[in-house]
């Protein structure tokens, strides 16, 4: 019965834990849920801790990524039981990282408040790093995103989203491990001191220096066509959608017009020259520049999910335009993992096997600014975006996310993706402009604030200014050179202390 209560308790906590990643004003809920897990594993054995961690993680990811069901069932044509089973199977598999982390915590803890809290944070960090890296990585709904509006957000330019998640885990563990030790002299005071320290530290971190300065300002026009996913490739409405795109691209005002991923959903061989050439010539004449999504290549050899940039300066480039090819592809949607073609064959996914672009790409220059495009969920991988900051002199001054999240309907995925983009702006102190099919099309400044936006699931053009930034944050500097390795090594430090302490005690 006690095991049953623990299971129900951690499943409930895991489900609630996912919600602040879409609704970050409830950031404190993430701390409470992580604290609840820490409380249940604080005295549990290795096997029990692993099971509770797995149950918590499975519920966390089922709630945090349930919208995958929409893409597979509503738009992919997969039956409801198979789509639901696939979401559960993926969540259960990815939760194994947290299961291993909680087992490691049970092995390493030493019943010392601060050391155990640091070990818990280190184990949590290793689990999130593994989920974000192994097998191409899927760090959606990582715990740090819950803190994009919390005091811990000030840590973003130093340690990034994973570091924030680790600090939150330490804070959560301090609260409950302090309660565990409250029967000892001064235990309750420790709990109060920890809580006060959290608030004071958060306020102090809010005064961290700014690592970047303004470069220049562009006037933007961001297109949101709001094409339902089931009409995106439909032959009967494709001419109408293409006409809307061409009209808005050439009529919009501003220095730069940006349209979302695959706003032109046809390969070059499928697109009539009388459609493409006027667009090309319009932006090549200037002074306006255009950046929009379209697939490039051909069906016979290779095709890519790309962004095309056109301006006066691209006339002499290959094919007359700047090209960015998506590097981090979506499993099952954009490439087929080995042994899973049978699964993708069950779904109706167009252009499902893309080629991969280079990891480090040049920026698209517009006036004084260097725009770094990323497509779809590529802004989920801050360490990959950081590769563009290895040389400060050519580092981007702003990001542009071109995406089509229409695959996931009117779900929490829309809000989650917006907050993912906001976290990237905090890490790099760079603005992010978002041109999306169905929403949220927005301008986010370098402090993570949404300055202008269109309502999701509406058709329109957002005209707004954006100011680029120069300068490198500590996170951008070390992630550009070492990736996530410093975080992984940092996670091991408290465990090394625990091993040394164990040897001395033995």
Foldseek 3Di string as FASTA:
>chain_A
DVLVVLLVLLLVLLLQLLVLLLVLVVLVSVLQSLLSLLLVLVPDALQSQLVSQLSSQLSNQCNNPVLQLLLCVVAFVFDNVVSSVVSSVVSSVLSNLSSNLSSVLNVQDDLDQQLSLLLQLLSLLRSLVCQQPPPLHDNFSPSLLSCLPPLLLLCQQPQHSSVSSSVSSSLSSNQNSLVVCVVPVCSVVSNVVSVVVVVVVSVVSVPDDDFWDFFFKWKEKFFAALDFPNCLPPPVCLVVLLVVVLVCQLPDDIQEYEAFFPSVEDEPVPDDPVSPVVSQVSALVDPHKYKYWYKYDDPPPAIFGKIWIAHVVQCPPVVSTDIDGAARDDDLQADDPPPCPVVNVSTDHPNRHHDHGDLEDAFDDGVRFGEAEHEACPLLALLSLLLQPQDLVRRGQAYEYHYEPSSSPPDSVQSSSLSSQLSSLSNWLWWYAYRYHFDFGFTAGSSSRTPDTDDGSDGDMDIDMYITIGGGRNNSNVSSPPNCVVSSVSSCVSSVVSVVVVVVVD
